[in-house]
């Protein structure tokens, strides 16, 4: 799967938290994912929209 750089609004990132741990997320621009270090999960961003479903997250 080829990843393309996806931009996400920095203000939106300030409000998003991990649905598992309620901790802050980091943005991996190259992978197009939001990373929860606490839960060891990566949440995909599709068409500029963060997909915050646990079942769609990738385990780190």
Protein backbone atom coordinates (compact mmCIF):
# COMPACT_ATOMS: atom_id res chain seq x y z
CA UNK A 1 0.00 0.00 0.00
CA UNK A 2 1.37 3.38 -0.97
CA UNK A 3 0.90 6.21 1.48
CA UNK A 4 0.57 9.79 0.38
CA UNK A 5 1.19 12.78 2.56
CA UNK A 6 -2.14 13.94 3.99
CA UNK A 7 -2.57 17.23 5.74
CA UNK A 8 -4.72 17.45 8.84
CA UNK A 9 -5.84 20.64 10.53
CA UNK A 10 -3.55 21.32 13.50
CA UNK A 11 -6.51 22.71 15.49
CA UNK A 12 -8.38 19.43 14.99
CA UNK A 13 -5.37 17.51 16.26
CA UNK A 14 -5.48 19.51 19.50
CA UNK A 15 -8.97 18.13 20.25
CA UNK A 16 -8.51 14.52 19.20
CA UNK A 17 -7.52 11.96 21.82
CA UNK A 18 -7.01 8.23 21.73
CA UNK A 19 -10.37 6.45 22.14
CA UNK A 20 -8.65 3.76 24.24
CA UNK A 21 -6.53 5.80 26.65
CA UNK A 22 -7.85 9.38 26.28
CA UNK A 23 -4.26 10.53 25.77
CA UNK A 24 -2.95 12.89 23.11
CA UNK A 25 -2.09 11.68 19.63
CA UNK A 26 0.88 12.45 17.43
CA UNK A 27 0.61 12.93 13.70
CA UNK A 28 2.72 10.80 11.38
CA UNK A 29 2.54 12.83 8.18
CA UNK A 30 4.44 10.31 6.03
CA UNK A 31 2.19 7.38 7.01
CA UNK A 32 -1.01 9.46 7.14
CA UNK A 33 -1.83 8.21 10.63
CA UNK A 34 -2.51 9.46 14.12
CA UNK A 35 -0.37 7.62 16.64
CA UNK A 36 -1.33 6.70 20.19
CA UNK A 37 1.92 5.80 21.92
CA UNK A 38 0.04 4.85 25.10
CA UNK A 39 -2.24 2.34 23.33
CA UNK A 40 0.41 1.38 20.73
CA UNK A 41 -2.10 1.99 17.94
CA UNK A 42 -2.05 3.94 14.67
CA UNK A 43 -5.35 5.37 13.46
CA UNK A 44 -5.64 5.96 9.71
CA UNK A 45 -6.61 9.21 8.04
CA UNK A 46 -8.80 8.70 4.97
CA UNK A 47 -9.66 11.62 2.69
CA UNK A 48 -8.52 14.01 5.42
CA UNK A 49 -10.79 12.42 8.04
CA UNK A 50 -9.29 10.64 11.06
CA UNK A 51 -10.80 7.17 11.49
CA UNK A 52 -10.85 6.74 15.26
CA UNK A 53 -12.35 3.25 15.34
CA UNK A 54 -10.32 0.77 17.36
CA UNK A 55 -11.10 -2.05 14.93
CA UNK A 56 -9.60 0.01 12.07
CA UNK A 57 -6.41 0.90 13.96
CA UNK A 58 -3.09 -0.71 13.19
CA UNK A 59 -1.13 -2.21 16.09
CA UNK A 60 2.34 -0.79 16.55
